[in-house]
Amino acid sequence: MSEKSSNIGIVAGNGQFPLLFARAARKAGMQVYAAAHTNETEEDLAQETDGILWVKIGELQKIMDFFLQNNVTKAVMLGGITKARLMTDFAPDALALEALASIDATGDDMVLRAVAQAVEKHGIQVIAATSILPHLLAPEGVWTQRQPTEQEAADIKLGHELLQKIGPLDIGQCLILTRGSVICVEAIEGTDAAIKRAGELEASNAVVVKMPKPNQDHRFDLPAAGAKTIENMIPNGCTALALAAGAAVVFDREAMVDLADSHNIAIVAINNNQE
């Protein structure tokens, strides 16, 4: 059976991307089965799947059983889990505890790799969403009618350089800068909340720079953006967005660009390896 005709599983976290991936995968002719997390995953995901299972954070064995019952041999991991919720809604089963016991820190990369390894031990291959739907990757270049200004371009370059340095620390994938100064560093709160924080700090003409960490595992946690990102930038003083070409996921690029153009926001995807 070819990859495109196989059933595909989604381990779904929060945000719009599990829903948009499911929609795109079904449009491509795949059957989609999602393991969704209570109080995290959008409820609308059920309408975009052929089957859905709602679990608490940490109920990994239930996810494996659900996928195997539905002949899922490949799965993607999309969307985040609010780290604060790990303190209140975490209900790890024996399989999850075994996975966590194999790591000595709880950074995103280590946890996701441990979960992926546990999933693959059950015969379910964890793959990059973009290996099935490569058109989701950000193409290089300026997407909008307006190019970044000279100052925005300088801030984008600085943001890219700084993210290469802090990426190995597994803090976050996004910086917000203006006029050569870092306004916000994405951490536990996520990109949308970081953008809102920039607005609360009364940033103006700020750039949002999202880049993968060095040696990023492209099966999960790639930086992602969409129309919602632009919606959050509009009222919070952000006038340009920079993504990593070929290493950032964009589901609704046309709507995203239209919205940016209507608010004079620049979007550019740059080569993540450039000096």
Protein backbone atom coordinates (compact mmCIF):
# COMPACT_ATOMS: atom_id res chain seq x y z
CA MET A 1 0.00 0.00 0.00
CA SER A 2 1.39 3.40 -0.95
CA GLU A 3 1.92 6.11 1.63
CA LYS A 4 -0.88 8.22 0.19
CA SER A 5 -3.40 5.37 0.34
CA SER A 6 -2.52 4.40 3.92
CA ASN A 7 -4.49 5.39 6.96
CA ILE A 8 -2.76 8.22 8.78
CA GLY A 9 -2.87 8.91 12.50
CA ILE A 10 -2.58 12.28 14.19
CA VAL A 11 -1.40 12.73 17.75
CA ALA A 12 -3.11 16.09 18.11
CA GLY A 13 -2.24 18.90 20.45
CA ASN A 14 -3.66 22.40 20.51
CA GLY A 15 -3.93 25.02 17.80
CA GLN A 16 -5.25 24.97 14.26
CA PHE A 17 -2.66 22.75 12.64
CA PRO A 18 -4.03 19.28 13.50
CA LEU A 19 -7.37 20.35 12.02
CA LEU A 20 -5.85 21.86 8.89
CA PHE A 21 -3.56 18.87 8.34
CA ALA A 22 -6.50 16.46 8.71
CA ARG A 23 -8.47 18.43 6.17
CA ALA A 24 -5.58 18.46 3.71
CA ALA A 25 -4.83 14.75 4.21
CA ARG A 26 -8.44 13.72 3.55
CA LYS A 27 -8.48 15.95 0.49
CA ALA A 28 -5.44 13.98 -0.68
CA GLY A 29 -7.41 10.73 -0.33
CA MET A 30 -6.22 9.48 3.05
CA GLN A 31 -8.29 8.21 5.96
CA VAL A 32 -7.46 10.15 9.10
CA TYR A 33 -7.65 8.93 12.69
CA ALA A 34 -6.87 11.42 15.43
CA ALA A 35 -5.94 10.98 19.06
CA ALA A 36 -7.04 14.31 20.54
CA HIS A 37 -6.23 15.71 23.97
CA THR A 38 -9.05 16.88 26.21
CA ASN A 39 -8.95 20.61 27.00
CA GLU A 40 -6.21 21.09 24.39
CA THR A 41 -7.30 19.94 20.92
CA GLU A 42 -9.96 21.90 19.04
CA GLU A 43 -13.29 20.07 19.10
CA ASP A 44 -13.83 20.81 15.39
CA LEU A 45 -11.13 18.25 14.59
CA ALA A 46 -13.79 15.52 14.90
CA GLN A 47 -15.48 16.84 11.75
CA GLU A 48 -12.27 16.47 9.73
CA THR A 49 -11.43 12.86 10.65
CA ASP A 50 -12.66 9.35 9.98
CA GLY A 51 -12.34 8.53 13.66
CA ILE A 52 -11.29 10.36 16.81
CA LEU A 53 -10.30 9.34 20.34
CA TRP A 54 -10.22 11.83 23.20
CA VAL A 55 -7.54 11.18 25.81
CA LYS A 56 -5.94 12.86 28.78
CA ILE A 57 -2.33 13.94 28.51
CA GLY A 58 -0.18 10.88 29.07
CA GLU A 59 -2.65 8.17 28.03
CA LEU A 60 -0.23 6.83 25.46
CA GLN A 61 -1.38 3.20 25.50
CA LYS A 62 -4.93 4.24 24.60
CA ILE A 63 -3.55 6.09 21.61
CA MET A 64 -1.56 3.06 20.46
CA ASP A 65 -4.57 0.75 20.82
CA PHE A 66 -6.78 3.19 18.89
CA PHE A 67 -4.33 3.49 16.02
CA LEU A 68 -3.75 -0.26 15.77
CA GLN A 69 -7.50 -0.95 15.80
CA ASN A 70 -7.83 1.36 12.80
CA ASN A 71 -4.89 -0.07 10.85
CA VAL A 72 -2.81 3.06 11.28
CA THR A 73 0.82 2.35 10.45
CA LYS A 74 2.03 5.95 10.10
CA ALA A 75 1.34 8.90 12.37
CA VAL A 76 2.20 12.57 12.69
CA MET A 77 2.51 14.65 15.84
CA LEU A 78 0.98 18.10 15.45
CA GLY A 79 0.13 20.92 17.80
CA GLY A 80 1.51 21.67 21.23
CA ILE A 81 0.48 20.83 24.75
CA THR A 82 0.25 23.69 27.21
CA LYS A 83 3.06 22.95 29.62
CA ALA A 84 1.15 24.45 32.53
CA ARG A 85 -1.54 21.83 31.94
CA LEU A 86 1.03 19.11 32.53
CA MET A 87 0.87 20.15 36.16
CA THR A 88 -2.91 19.66 36.39
CA ASP A 89 -4.16 17.24 33.72
CA PHE A 90 -1.21 14.87 33.37
CA ALA A 91 -2.35 11.25 33.70
CA PRO A 92 0.60 9.14 32.51
CA ASP A 93 0.02 5.46 31.96
CA ALA A 94 2.71 2.80 32.17
CA LEU A 95 3.81 3.35 28.57
CA ALA A 96 4.15 7.10 29.05
CA LEU A 97 6.09 6.64 32.29
CA GLU A 98 8.43 4.23 30.53
CA ALA A 99 9.04 6.81 27.79
CA LEU A 100 9.69 9.62 30.26
CA ALA A 101 12.03 7.43 32.30
CA SER A 102 14.32 7.24 29.28
CA ILE A 103 15.14 10.98 29.38
CA ASP A 104 16.88 13.18 31.92
CA ALA A 105 15.24 16.52 31.02
CA THR A 106 11.78 17.70 29.99
CA GLY A 107 12.57 20.00 27.07
CA ASP A 108 10.21 19.77 24.11
CA ASP A 109 12.65 17.93 21.87
CA MET A 110 13.57 15.26 24.39
CA VAL A 111 9.96 14.57 25.39
CA LEU A 112 8.75 14.38 21.78
CA ARG A 113 11.57 12.08 20.75
CA ALA A 114 10.85 9.79 23.71
CA VAL A 115 7.15 9.64 22.83
CA ALA A 116 8.00 8.97 19.17
CA GLN A 117 10.28 6.11 20.16
CA ALA A 118 7.54 4.58 22.30
CA VAL A 119 5.06 4.86 19.43
CA GLU A 120 7.46 3.27 16.96
CA LYS A 121 8.05 0.31 19.28
CA HIS A 122 4.40 -0.52 18.62
CA GLY A 123 4.96 -0.66 14.88
CA ILE A 124 3.63 2.80 14.07
CA GLN A 125 6.11 4.95 12.16
CA VAL A 126 6.23 8.59 13.23
CA ILE A 127 6.77 10.69 10.13
CA ALA A 128 6.95 14.36 9.22
CA ALA A 129 3.63 15.81 8.10
CA THR A 130 5.53 17.41 5.23
CA SER A 131 6.69 14.02 3.92
CA ILE A 132 3.07 13.40 2.92
CA LEU A 133 2.10 16.97 2.10
CA PRO A 134 5.33 18.72 1.04
CA HIS A 135 3.42 21.75 -0.26
CA LEU A 136 2.91 22.75 3.37
CA LEU A 137 6.56 23.81 3.63
CA ALA A 138 7.25 27.54 3.37
CA PRO A 139 8.75 28.47 -0.03
CA GLU A 140 11.71 30.85 -0.03
CA GLY A 141 11.16 34.49 -0.85
CA VAL A 142 8.96 37.48 -0.07
CA TRP A 143 5.29 36.47 -0.20
CA THR A 144 3.59 39.80 0.27
CA GLN A 145 3.21 42.94 -1.81
CA ARG A 146 5.43 44.80 0.63
CA GLN A 147 9.03 43.75 1.22
CA PRO A 148 10.58 44.16 4.69
CA THR A 149 12.00 47.62 5.27
CA GLU A 150 15.73 48.06 5.80
CA GLN A 151 15.20 48.12 9.59
CA GLU A 152 12.89 45.10 9.52
CA ALA A 153 15.43 43.20 7.42
CA ALA A 154 18.16 44.02 9.94
CA ASP A 155 15.95 42.84 12.80
CA ILE A 156 15.14 39.64 10.92
CA LYS A 157 18.85 38.96 10.39
CA LEU A 158 19.58 39.58 14.06
CA GLY A 159 16.66 37.41 15.16
CA HIS A 160 17.85 34.57 12.96
CA GLU A 161 21.37 34.79 14.37
CA LEU A 162 20.13 34.82 17.96
CA LEU A 163 17.78 31.88 17.42
CA GLN A 164 20.71 29.83 16.12
CA LYS A 165 22.46 30.49 19.42
CA ILE A 166 19.56 29.87 21.83
CA GLY A 167 17.99 27.04 19.83
CA PRO A 168 20.17 24.31 21.41
CA LEU A 169 18.88 25.42 24.84
CA ASP A 170 15.37 24.25 23.78
CA ILE A 171 13.72 27.46 25.01
CA GLY A 172 11.58 28.36 22.00
CA GLN A 173 11.58 28.97 18.28
CA CYS A 174 10.44 32.57 18.08
CA LEU A 175 11.83 36.00 18.85
CA ILE A 176 10.12 39.38 18.53
CA LEU A 177 12.43 42.31 17.88
CA THR A 178 12.28 45.98 17.05
CA ARG A 179 15.09 48.39 16.14
CA GLY A 180 17.82 45.94 17.12
CA SER A 181 16.33 45.03 20.51
CA VAL A 182 14.69 41.76 21.54
CA ILE A 183 11.21 42.47 22.90
CA CYS A 184 10.03 38.93 23.61
CA VAL A 185 11.51 35.46 23.67
CA GLU A 186 8.99 32.68 23.15
CA ALA A 187 9.08 30.23 26.04
CA ILE A 188 6.41 28.13 27.70
CA GLU A 189 3.55 30.38 26.58
CA GLY A 190 3.89 29.79 22.81
CA THR A 191 4.11 32.15 19.84
CA ASP A 192 0.62 33.64 19.99
CA ALA A 193 1.01 34.62 23.63
CA ALA A 194 4.50 36.01 22.97
CA ILE A 195 3.08 38.23 20.22
CA LYS A 196 0.38 39.43 22.60
CA ARG A 197 3.05 40.17 25.21
CA ALA A 198 4.89 42.30 22.66
CA GLY A 199 1.70 44.31 22.26
CA GLU A 200 1.38 44.73 26.02
CA LEU A 201 4.94 46.08 26.02
CA GLU A 202 3.81 48.58 23.36
CA ALA A 203 6.20 47.31 20.71
CA SER A 204 5.94 49.06 17.36
CA ASN A 205 7.22 48.05 13.93
CA ALA A 206 8.28 44.75 15.47
CA VAL A 207 9.30 41.65 13.53
CA VAL A 208 8.34 38.11 14.44
CA VAL A 209 11.09 35.61 13.58
CA LYS A 210 10.31 31.87 13.73
CA MET A 211 13.08 29.39 12.99
CA PRO A 212 13.68 25.71 13.79
CA LYS A 213 16.29 24.79 16.34
CA PRO A 214 19.63 23.57 15.00
CA ASN A 215 19.39 19.82 14.34
CA GLN A 216 15.59 20.06 14.60
CA ASP A 217 13.79 16.73 14.19
CA HIS A 218 11.46 17.56 11.30
CA ARG A 219 8.94 14.91 12.34
CA PHE A 220 7.54 17.23 14.96
CA ASP A 221 7.62 20.70 16.43
CA LEU A 222 8.56 22.50 13.23
CA PRO A 223 7.80 26.21 13.51
CA ALA A 224 4.38 26.89 12.08
CA ALA A 225 2.40 29.95 11.09
CA GLY A 226 -0.88 30.80 9.44
CA ALA A 227 -3.58 33.41 9.12
CA LYS A 228 -4.09 33.31 12.89
CA THR A 229 -0.48 34.41 13.33
CA ILE A 230 -1.15 37.49 11.22
CA GLU A 231 -4.41 38.14 13.08
CA ASN A 232 -2.43 38.23 16.32
CA MET A 233 0.27 40.47 14.86
CA ILE A 234 -2.15 43.16 13.63
CA PRO A 235 -3.21 44.63 17.00
CA ASN A 236 0.15 44.03 18.70
CA GLY A 237 2.52 46.28 16.78
CA CYS A 238 4.13 43.59 14.61
CA THR A 239 4.72 44.56 11.00
CA ALA A 240 6.84 41.72 9.56
CA LEU A 241 7.06 37.94 9.86
CA ALA A 242 10.08 35.85 8.93
CA LEU A 243 9.99 32.06 8.60
CA ALA A 244 12.52 29.41 7.65
CA ALA A 245 12.17 28.43 4.01
CA GLY A 246 11.70 24.68 3.67
CA ALA A 247 11.59 24.25 7.45
CA ALA A 248 8.36 25.94 8.56
CA VAL A 249 4.82 24.68 8.09
CA VAL A 250 2.11 26.90 6.57
CA PHE A 251 -1.37 25.50 5.98
CA ASP A 252 -3.37 28.49 4.78
CA ARG A 253 -0.77 30.56 2.95
CA GLU A 254 -3.15 32.26 0.51
CA ALA A 255 -5.44 33.52 3.27
CA MET A 256 -2.42 34.43 5.35
CA VAL A 257 -0.88 36.54 2.57
CA ASP A 258 -4.19 38.23 1.72
CA LEU A 259 -4.63 39.26 5.34
CA ALA A 260 -1.05 40.49 5.57
CA ASP A 261 -1.38 42.52 2.37
CA SER A 262 -4.57 44.15 3.63
CA HIS A 263 -2.71 45.33 6.77
CA ASN A 264 0.63 46.24 5.12
CA ILE A 265 2.48 43.41 6.87
CA ALA A 266 5.51 41.83 5.19
CA ILE A 267 6.06 38.06 5.15
CA VAL A 268 9.34 36.52 4.06
CA ALA A 269 10.75 33.00 4.17
CA ILE A 270 14.54 32.97 4.36
CA ASN A 271 17.18 30.31 3.96
CA ASN A 272 17.73 29.04 7.50
CA ASN A 273 21.35 28.22 6.68
CA GLN A 274 22.31 31.69 5.53
CA GLU A 275 24.97 33.56 7.42
